[in-house]
Protein backbone atom coordinates (compact mmCIF):
# COMPACT_ATOMS: atom_id res chain seq x y z
CA MET A 1 -44.76 60.48 36.52
CA LYS A 2 -43.77 61.09 32.89
CA ARG A 3 -40.98 58.54 33.25
CA LEU A 4 -43.41 55.97 34.70
CA LEU A 5 -45.70 56.24 31.67
CA GLU A 6 -42.69 55.96 29.33
CA ILE A 7 -41.63 52.76 31.09
CA PHE A 8 -45.19 51.42 30.86
CA GLU A 9 -45.18 52.01 27.10
CA ALA A 10 -41.78 50.30 26.77
CA LEU A 11 -43.04 47.33 28.81
CA ASN A 12 -46.11 47.11 26.57
CA ARG A 13 -43.90 46.76 23.52
CA THR A 14 -42.81 43.36 24.84
CA LYS A 15 -44.85 40.16 24.59
CA ARG A 16 -46.26 39.51 28.04
CA GLY A 17 -49.43 37.52 27.59
CA SER A 18 -49.79 34.87 30.27
CA GLY A 19 -47.80 31.78 29.31
CA ASP A 20 -45.89 33.74 26.66
CA SER A 21 -44.00 36.40 28.58
CA ALA A 22 -40.34 35.39 28.13
CA GLU A 23 -39.67 38.64 26.27
CA ALA A 24 -41.03 40.70 29.16
CA PHE A 25 -38.93 38.64 31.59
CA ARG A 26 -35.75 39.53 29.70
CA PHE A 27 -36.79 43.19 29.53
CA LEU A 28 -37.27 43.33 33.32
CA VAL A 29 -34.01 41.57 34.18
CA ASP A 30 -32.08 43.85 31.83
CA PHE A 31 -33.77 47.01 33.18
CA CYS A 32 -33.10 46.07 36.81
CA GLU A 33 -29.46 45.15 36.19
CA ARG A 34 -28.79 48.31 34.17
CA SER A 35 -30.29 50.30 37.04
CA GLY A 36 -27.82 48.77 39.50
CA ALA A 37 -30.17 46.40 41.31
CA GLN A 38 -29.04 42.99 42.55
CA THR A 39 -31.23 40.61 40.61
CA GLN A 40 -32.13 36.96 41.06
CA SER A 41 -34.73 34.80 39.36
CA ASP A 42 -36.16 31.32 39.81
CA ARG A 43 -37.37 28.48 37.61
CA ALA A 44 -40.84 30.02 37.33
CA HIS A 45 -39.32 33.25 35.93
CA ASN A 46 -40.10 35.28 39.03
CA ILE A 47 -37.63 38.12 39.59
CA LEU A 48 -36.46 39.56 42.92
CA ALA A 49 -34.54 42.82 42.55
CA ILE A 50 -32.84 44.38 45.57
CA VAL A 51 -31.85 48.04 45.70
CA GLY A 52 -29.48 49.27 48.40
CA ASP A 53 -29.85 47.42 51.69
CA GLY A 54 -33.26 46.07 50.68
CA GLY A 55 -35.17 48.59 52.79
CA ARG A 56 -38.10 47.58 54.96
CA ILE A 57 -40.79 46.91 52.35
CA CYS A 58 -41.09 44.52 49.43
CA LEU A 59 -43.12 45.85 46.50
CA GLN A 60 -44.79 43.18 44.36
CA ALA A 61 -46.59 43.04 41.01
CA HIS A 62 -47.11 40.45 38.26
CA TYR A 63 -45.80 41.21 34.79
CA ASP A 64 -48.03 38.98 32.66
CA MET A 65 -51.36 40.18 31.29
CA VAL A 66 -54.59 38.96 29.72
CA ALA A 67 -53.68 39.61 26.08
CA LEU A 68 -56.74 40.10 23.89
CA GLY A 69 -56.88 41.83 20.51
CA ASP A 70 -53.91 43.68 19.05
CA GLN A 71 -50.70 42.95 20.93
CA PRO A 72 -48.59 44.84 21.66
CA PRO A 73 -51.39 47.33 22.32
CA THR A 74 -51.47 50.81 20.83
CA ILE A 75 -51.90 53.10 23.82
CA LYS A 76 -54.27 56.05 23.46
CA ARG A 77 -54.98 58.91 25.85
CA ASP A 78 -58.49 60.32 26.18
CA GLY A 79 -58.41 63.16 28.69
CA ASP A 80 -57.32 61.67 32.00
CA TRP A 81 -57.69 58.06 30.83
CA LEU A 82 -55.36 55.66 29.03
CA HIS A 83 -56.79 52.81 26.95
CA ALA A 84 -55.71 50.55 24.09
CA ALA A 85 -56.89 51.15 20.54
CA ASN A 86 -58.00 47.58 19.88
CA GLY A 87 -57.19 45.17 22.67
CA THR A 88 -56.44 44.88 26.36
CA LEU A 89 -54.30 47.69 27.77
CA GLY A 90 -52.41 45.61 30.33
CA ALA A 91 -52.67 48.25 33.06
CA ASP A 92 -53.48 45.18 35.14
CA ASN A 93 -50.72 44.82 36.39
CA GLY A 94 -48.41 46.72 34.05
CA ILE A 95 -48.87 50.01 35.92
CA GLY A 96 -47.68 48.34 39.12
CA VAL A 97 -44.65 46.92 37.28
CA ALA A 98 -43.83 50.29 35.70
CA LEU A 99 -44.11 52.01 39.08
CA MET A 100 -41.64 49.54 40.60
CA LEU A 101 -39.20 50.01 37.70
CA THR A 102 -39.47 53.78 38.14
CA LEU A 103 -38.47 53.47 41.80
CA ILE A 104 -35.62 51.08 40.95
CA ALA A 105 -34.31 53.60 38.42
CA GLN A 106 -34.49 56.28 41.15
CA GLY A 107 -32.36 54.08 43.43
CA ARG A 108 -35.05 53.75 46.11
CA ALA A 109 -33.94 51.11 48.61
CA GLY A 110 -36.27 48.14 48.79
CA GLU A 111 -37.08 44.68 47.54
CA TYR A 112 -39.00 44.45 44.27
CA LEU A 113 -40.72 41.17 43.43
CA PHE A 114 -41.99 40.64 39.87
CA THR A 115 -44.08 37.48 39.52
CA SER A 116 -45.05 35.52 36.42
CA ASP A 117 -48.26 34.00 35.08
CA GLU A 118 -50.63 35.41 37.69
CA GLU A 119 -53.50 35.55 35.23
CA ILE A 120 -53.56 31.79 34.63
CA GLY A 121 -53.64 30.58 38.21
CA LEU A 122 -51.12 32.66 40.21
CA ASN A 123 -48.53 30.22 38.91
CA GLY A 124 -45.49 32.36 39.57
CA ALA A 125 -46.42 33.06 43.19
CA ARG A 126 -47.22 29.40 43.76
CA ALA A 127 -43.79 28.34 42.48
CA LEU A 128 -41.85 31.22 44.07
CA GLU A 129 -38.34 30.33 45.21
CA ALA A 130 -36.78 33.82 45.36
CA LEU A 131 -38.28 34.80 48.72
CA PRO A 132 -38.01 38.40 49.98
CA LYS A 133 -36.74 39.16 53.49
CA ALA A 134 -38.85 42.24 54.26
CA LYS A 135 -41.51 41.98 56.96
CA MET A 136 -44.01 44.04 54.97
CA LEU A 137 -45.18 43.36 51.42
CA LEU A 138 -47.12 45.86 49.32
CA ASN A 139 -48.93 44.31 46.36
CA LEU A 140 -49.74 46.84 43.60
CA ASP A 141 -52.51 44.88 41.85
CA SER A 142 -55.64 46.49 43.29
CA GLU A 143 -57.84 48.47 40.93
CA THR A 144 -59.58 51.20 42.95
CA GLU A 145 -57.66 54.26 44.13
CA GLY A 146 -57.85 54.70 47.89
CA GLU A 147 -58.93 51.16 48.58
CA ILE A 148 -56.67 49.42 51.06
CA THR A 149 -57.25 45.81 50.12
CA ILE A 150 -56.78 43.41 53.02
CA GLY A 151 -58.43 40.27 51.64
CA CYS A 152 -59.20 38.52 48.36
CA ALA A 153 -60.93 35.54 46.83
CA GLY A 154 -59.44 32.16 46.16
CA GLY A 155 -60.46 30.19 43.11
CA ALA A 156 -60.33 27.03 41.05
CA ASP A 157 -60.78 25.86 37.45
CA TYR A 158 -63.32 23.12 36.76
CA THR A 159 -63.32 21.04 33.58
CA LEU A 160 -66.55 19.19 32.76
CA THR A 161 -66.66 16.67 29.91
CA ARG A 162 -69.31 14.35 28.53
CA SER A 163 -70.02 12.43 25.37
CA LEU A 164 -72.67 13.40 22.82
CA LYS A 165 -75.16 10.85 21.51
CA GLU A 166 -75.37 10.17 17.78
CA ILE A 167 -78.87 10.69 16.42
CA ALA A 168 -80.56 10.38 13.06
CA ILE A 169 -82.25 13.63 12.04
CA ASP A 170 -85.71 13.60 10.48
CA HIS A 171 -85.61 16.44 7.93
CA THR A 172 -89.39 16.60 7.86
CA ARG A 173 -89.44 17.52 11.55
CA PHE A 174 -86.16 19.31 12.36
CA ARG A 175 -83.82 21.89 10.90
CA ALA A 176 -80.32 23.05 11.86
CA VAL A 177 -79.24 26.63 12.53
CA LYS A 178 -76.09 28.42 13.59
CA ILE A 179 -76.36 30.67 16.64
CA THR A 180 -73.69 33.33 17.11
CA ALA A 181 -73.00 35.65 20.02
CA LYS A 182 -70.27 38.07 19.03
CA GLY A 183 -68.73 41.17 20.53
CA CYS A 184 -70.26 41.03 23.99
CA GLU A 185 -68.66 43.49 26.41
CA GLY A 186 -66.48 40.99 28.26
CA GLY A 187 -64.83 41.75 31.57
CA HIS A 188 -63.00 40.39 34.59
CA SER A 189 -64.71 37.29 35.90
CA GLY A 190 -64.23 38.46 39.50
CA VAL A 191 -64.57 42.21 39.91
CA ASP A 192 -67.02 42.53 37.00
CA ILE A 193 -69.12 39.43 37.68
CA ASP A 194 -71.84 41.47 39.45
CA ARG A 195 -72.20 44.08 36.70
CA GLY A 196 -74.72 42.08 34.69
CA ILE A 197 -72.39 41.71 31.70
CA ALA A 198 -73.78 39.31 29.11
CA SER A 199 -71.82 36.08 28.64
CA ALA A 200 -71.79 34.91 25.01
CA LEU A 201 -72.00 31.27 26.13
CA VAL A 202 -74.91 31.87 28.48
CA GLU A 203 -76.79 33.86 25.82
CA ILE A 204 -76.52 31.02 23.30
CA CYS A 205 -77.59 28.37 25.80
CA ARG A 206 -80.60 30.43 26.84
CA THR A 207 -81.60 30.98 23.22
CA ALA A 208 -81.45 27.23 22.56
CA LYS A 209 -83.46 26.43 25.70
CA GLU A 210 -86.15 29.05 25.13
CA HIS A 211 -86.86 27.64 21.64
CA GLY A 212 -86.73 23.98 22.68
CA GLY A 213 -83.53 23.22 20.77
CA SER A 214 -80.89 20.49 20.97
CA LEU A 215 -77.25 21.51 20.72
CA ILE A 216 -74.97 19.77 18.24
CA SER A 217 -71.98 21.94 19.10
CA LEU A 218 -71.02 24.79 21.42
CA ASP A 219 -67.70 26.62 21.15
CA GLY A 220 -66.48 29.90 22.58
CA GLY A 221 -64.96 31.92 25.38
CA GLU A 222 -61.46 33.36 25.51
CA ARG A 223 -59.89 33.00 28.98
CA ASN A 224 -60.89 31.26 32.20
CA ASN A 225 -60.79 34.56 34.10
CA ALA A 226 -62.69 36.62 31.51
CA ILE A 227 -66.42 36.75 30.83
CA ALA A 228 -66.96 35.18 27.39
CA ARG A 229 -67.27 37.75 24.57
CA ASN A 230 -67.75 35.42 21.59
CA ALA A 231 -69.31 32.01 21.00
CA THR A 232 -71.02 29.94 18.30
CA ALA A 233 -73.28 26.92 18.33
CA VAL A 234 -75.12 24.62 15.96
CA ALA A 235 -78.52 23.48 17.17
CA LEU A 236 -81.57 21.55 15.98
CA PHE A 237 -85.09 22.97 16.28
CA ALA A 238 -88.53 21.78 15.29
CA ILE A 239 -89.05 22.84 11.69
CA ASP A 240 -92.00 25.12 12.52
CA THR A 241 -90.28 26.87 15.47
CA VAL A 242 -90.17 30.65 15.14
CA LEU A 243 -86.66 31.63 16.17
CA ARG A 244 -86.05 35.09 17.57
CA GLU A 245 -82.68 36.79 17.67
CA THR A 246 -81.73 38.78 20.77
CA LYS A 247 -79.57 41.79 21.48
CA HIS A 248 -76.56 39.49 21.71
CA THR A 249 -77.37 36.59 19.34
CA THR A 250 -77.88 36.12 15.62
CA ILE A 251 -79.40 33.05 13.96
CA GLU A 252 -78.81 31.76 10.45
CA PRO A 253 -80.04 28.59 8.71
CA ILE A 254 -77.49 25.98 7.64
CA GLN A 255 -77.73 22.65 5.87
CA THR A 256 -79.30 20.06 8.13
CA PRO A 257 -77.14 16.91 8.41
CA LYS A 258 -78.53 13.38 8.20
CA THR A 259 -76.94 12.41 11.50
CA ALA A 260 -75.19 14.31 14.26
CA TYR A 261 -73.80 13.96 17.75
CA ALA A 262 -75.99 16.09 19.98
CA LEU A 263 -77.33 16.82 23.44
CA ASP A 264 -81.02 16.15 23.82
CA GLU A 265 -83.48 18.91 24.62
CA THR A 266 -83.31 18.25 28.38
CA LEU A 267 -79.52 18.48 28.55
CA THR A 268 -79.48 21.52 26.29
CA ALA A 269 -81.88 23.20 28.71
CA ALA A 270 -79.58 22.19 31.58
CA LEU A 271 -76.70 24.10 29.99
CA ALA A 272 -78.73 27.28 30.37
CA ALA A 273 -78.47 26.61 34.11
CA VAL A 274 -74.69 26.17 34.23
CA PRO A 275 -73.52 28.01 37.36
CA HIS A 276 -72.67 31.54 36.22
CA GLY A 277 -72.66 34.88 37.96
CA VAL A 278 -72.99 35.90 41.61
CA ILE A 279 -73.87 33.08 43.99
CA SER A 280 -73.71 35.00 47.29
CA ARG A 281 -72.48 38.30 48.76
CA ASP A 282 -70.52 39.29 51.88
CA PRO A 283 -72.37 42.18 53.60
CA ARG A 284 -69.40 42.99 55.85
CA TYR A 285 -67.42 44.45 52.96
CA SER A 286 -70.25 44.90 50.42
CA VAL A 287 -68.53 42.52 48.03
CA VAL A 288 -69.35 39.33 46.16
CA GLU A 289 -68.54 36.31 48.33
CA ARG A 290 -69.01 33.46 45.82
CA SER A 291 -69.25 33.44 42.04
CA CYS A 292 -68.79 31.25 39.01
CA ASN A 293 -67.83 32.11 35.44
CA PHE A 294 -68.96 29.93 32.49
CA ALA A 295 -65.63 30.60 30.82
CA ARG A 296 -65.22 28.36 27.78
CA ALA A 297 -66.83 25.57 25.76
CA GLN A 298 -65.39 23.29 23.11
CA THR A 299 -66.95 20.56 20.99
CA ASP A 300 -64.73 17.80 19.58
CA TYR A 301 -66.87 15.59 17.34
CA ASP A 302 -68.69 13.48 19.97
CA ARG A 303 -67.42 15.19 23.14
CA LEU A 304 -68.37 18.46 24.83
CA THR A 305 -65.98 20.18 27.27
CA LEU A 306 -66.99 23.06 29.53
CA THR A 307 -64.62 25.17 31.63
CA LEU A 308 -65.87 26.98 34.72
CA PHE A 309 -63.87 29.26 37.00
CA ALA A 310 -65.32 29.74 40.48
CA ARG A 311 -64.18 32.13 43.20
CA GLY A 312 -64.78 32.25 46.94
CA ASN A 313 -63.63 34.66 49.63
CA SER A 314 -63.04 31.99 52.28
CA PRO A 315 -62.22 28.27 52.55
CA ASP A 316 -65.90 27.56 53.29
CA ALA A 317 -66.98 29.50 50.20
CA LEU A 318 -64.56 27.55 48.02
CA GLU A 319 -65.88 24.25 49.39
CA ALA A 320 -69.46 25.38 48.74
CA ASN A 321 -68.50 26.09 45.10
CA ASP A 322 -67.09 22.58 44.84
CA ALA A 323 -70.40 21.14 45.99
CA VAL A 324 -72.53 23.22 43.58
CA ILE A 325 -70.44 22.35 40.54
CA ALA A 326 -70.12 18.69 41.50
CA LEU A 327 -73.92 18.46 41.80
CA PHE A 328 -74.43 20.05 38.38
CA ALA A 329 -71.90 17.66 36.82
CA ALA A 330 -73.42 14.58 38.45
CA ASN A 331 -77.00 15.52 37.54
CA ASN A 332 -76.10 16.05 33.88
CA GLY A 333 -73.67 13.23 33.16
CA PHE A 334 -70.43 15.22 33.09
CA ASP A 335 -67.07 13.95 34.28
CA LEU A 336 -65.49 16.58 36.53
CA ARG A 337 -61.88 17.61 37.16
CA CYS A 338 -60.71 20.47 39.39
CA ASP A 339 -57.35 22.18 38.74
CA GLY A 340 -55.42 25.31 39.60
CA ARG A 341 -56.89 25.83 43.06
CA TYR A 342 -55.45 28.73 45.04
CA SER A 343 -56.17 30.09 48.49
CA SER A 344 -58.22 33.05 49.59
CA TRP A 345 -56.61 35.81 51.68
CA GLN A 346 -58.47 36.41 54.92
CA PRO A 347 -59.05 40.08 55.92
CA LYS A 348 -56.89 41.63 58.65
CA GLU A 349 -56.33 45.33 59.44
CA SER A 350 -52.61 45.20 60.27
CA LEU A 351 -50.28 47.94 61.53
CA PHE A 352 -48.92 48.19 57.99
CA ALA A 353 -52.43 48.82 56.68
CA LYS A 354 -52.87 51.58 59.27
CA GLU A 355 -49.59 53.16 58.15
CA ILE A 356 -50.76 53.15 54.53
CA GLU A 357 -54.06 54.72 55.61
CA ALA A 358 -52.18 57.58 57.29
CA VAL A 359 -49.96 58.19 54.24
CA MET A 360 -52.97 58.21 51.92
CA ARG A 361 -54.70 60.81 54.08
CA SER A 362 -51.56 62.97 53.98
CA GLU A 363 -51.79 62.87 50.16
CA ARG A 364 -55.51 63.70 50.23
CA VAL A 365 -56.48 60.25 49.03
CA ALA A 366 -59.59 59.04 50.87
CA PRO A 367 -58.76 55.56 52.21
CA LYS A 368 -61.23 52.72 52.57
CA TYR A 369 -60.59 49.14 53.68
CA GLY A 370 -61.87 46.50 51.32
CA VAL A 371 -61.88 42.91 50.14
CA ILE A 372 -61.66 42.17 46.43
CA HIS A 373 -63.51 39.35 44.72
CA ALA A 374 -60.53 38.46 42.57
CA GLY A 375 -57.30 36.56 42.96
CA LEU A 376 -54.40 38.49 44.45
CA GLU A 377 -51.08 36.83 45.02
CA CYS A 378 -51.20 37.83 48.70
CA GLY A 379 -53.21 34.68 49.45
CA VAL A 380 -50.54 32.40 48.02
CA LEU A 381 -47.59 34.50 49.22
CA GLY A 382 -49.09 34.60 52.71
CA GLU A 383 -48.76 30.83 52.94
CA LYS A 384 -45.07 31.07 52.00
CA LEU A 385 -44.41 34.15 54.17
CA PRO A 386 -46.76 33.74 57.15
CA SER A 387 -45.08 36.40 59.34
CA VAL A 388 -45.16 39.13 56.67
CA GLN A 389 -47.82 41.86 56.83
CA MET A 390 -49.44 42.22 53.41
CA VAL A 391 -51.59 44.93 51.87
CA SER A 392 -52.67 45.67 48.29
CA ILE A 393 -53.28 49.07 46.71
CA GLY A 394 -53.38 50.36 43.15
CA PRO A 395 -54.62 52.98 40.68
CA THR A 396 -58.16 53.14 39.34
CA ILE A 397 -58.51 50.60 36.52
CA GLU A 398 -61.83 49.94 34.81
CA ALA A 399 -62.86 46.81 32.87
CA PRO A 400 -59.63 44.79 33.22
CA HIS A 401 -59.36 41.68 31.02
CA SER A 402 -61.50 43.32 28.35
CA TYR A 403 -61.26 45.53 25.28
CA GLY A 404 -62.67 48.36 27.39
CA GLU A 405 -59.82 48.31 29.93
CA ARG A 406 -58.63 51.77 30.90
CA VAL A 407 -56.66 53.43 33.72
CA PHE A 408 -57.18 56.85 35.35
CA VAL A 409 -53.89 58.73 34.98
CA PRO A 410 -54.17 61.09 38.02
CA SER A 411 -54.60 58.03 40.25
CA ILE A 412 -51.24 56.69 38.99
CA ASP A 413 -49.50 59.92 40.04
CA ARG A 414 -51.01 59.81 43.52
CA LEU A 415 -50.18 56.11 43.89
CA LEU A 416 -46.54 56.82 43.04
CA ARG A 417 -46.35 59.54 45.71
CA VAL A 418 -47.92 57.26 48.34
CA VAL A 419 -45.44 54.46 47.63
CA GLN A 420 -42.48 56.86 47.63
CA LEU A 421 -43.49 58.12 51.07
CA LEU A 422 -43.85 54.57 52.40
CA LEU A 423 -40.37 53.64 51.20
């Protein structure tokens, strides 16, 4: 266990933000080769390490992370929890990676698949060429100890763009202000979407709507798969409007321009109704079934671009998201493009899942079958490896993709023992 945490700290000293993880890739290849593993990689920088005869199980984790704040992170321990001093910790999925490296260093026979760029569309899994041969795959990217994850959401990015109309501003009737939403909690746009976390973008749009404003600009959000923490806007209001700040927004007067490109009051109000949050729930597994995250906004002179990231736990749910977002775009004059679509993973209680349940019980970990409203690579890998039984487990991680991310250390120790017994 001590060695696992040392490896996690060493991994965190490398750059491994999604799209910028070449340093972590080199670290992993070097570690595996020095530990005696046969190592191969592909053009997407996925790594397949084989120890001994390859065993019967392939362990899998992604090595990129959502990198916010100070990177590399300064790891702090508070009782039984690890967190970062001022940024994302990267326990998602760095703990899974460190666990696999620990087992490789111990010489545990098996296949170990490290995938790249999961956090920006499961890109590594989608481009995987180094295919494992094992008939069972254990993904280590779940975030609740004891949960045997047997299904997950698919998702897609949606880009909405439209032009802004140039208007002349009557200074006797209107004034300009800057609206700022800063330091909202943030969080994972899947597993945290039902926690009622304030979105900086939604807060600004609601403030503008409630005071009858017209947006000149809207900019903010950090990542497609994270709830927006920070955003700013410039808006016009009637000169006698009493503007009220909220818990999440501040308002300050600025010089009112003579002309500006802007959305009218009706379209500004429509932005407050951008699909965001839980759309529907699946009562079978007490989990969100469909959701949408108002992820980012950017204003370029006379053009406004919005980015939404929607998730669905089935093909039908994903198609329903398409319809909702297409209707919003059409009703409000936005051009719409959909990118980065990936498949959901349909629930199935396999023999491998039953074996994991038995091992967990032997280690006094209370097992529970579940479906996660987030993207796991099992959905994509299942299309490439249709005969392989797949299950996902992991330690307890809270608030991934946010400054509040932390991991429960005792759950890491128990996870390691469970995986060792399975191998």
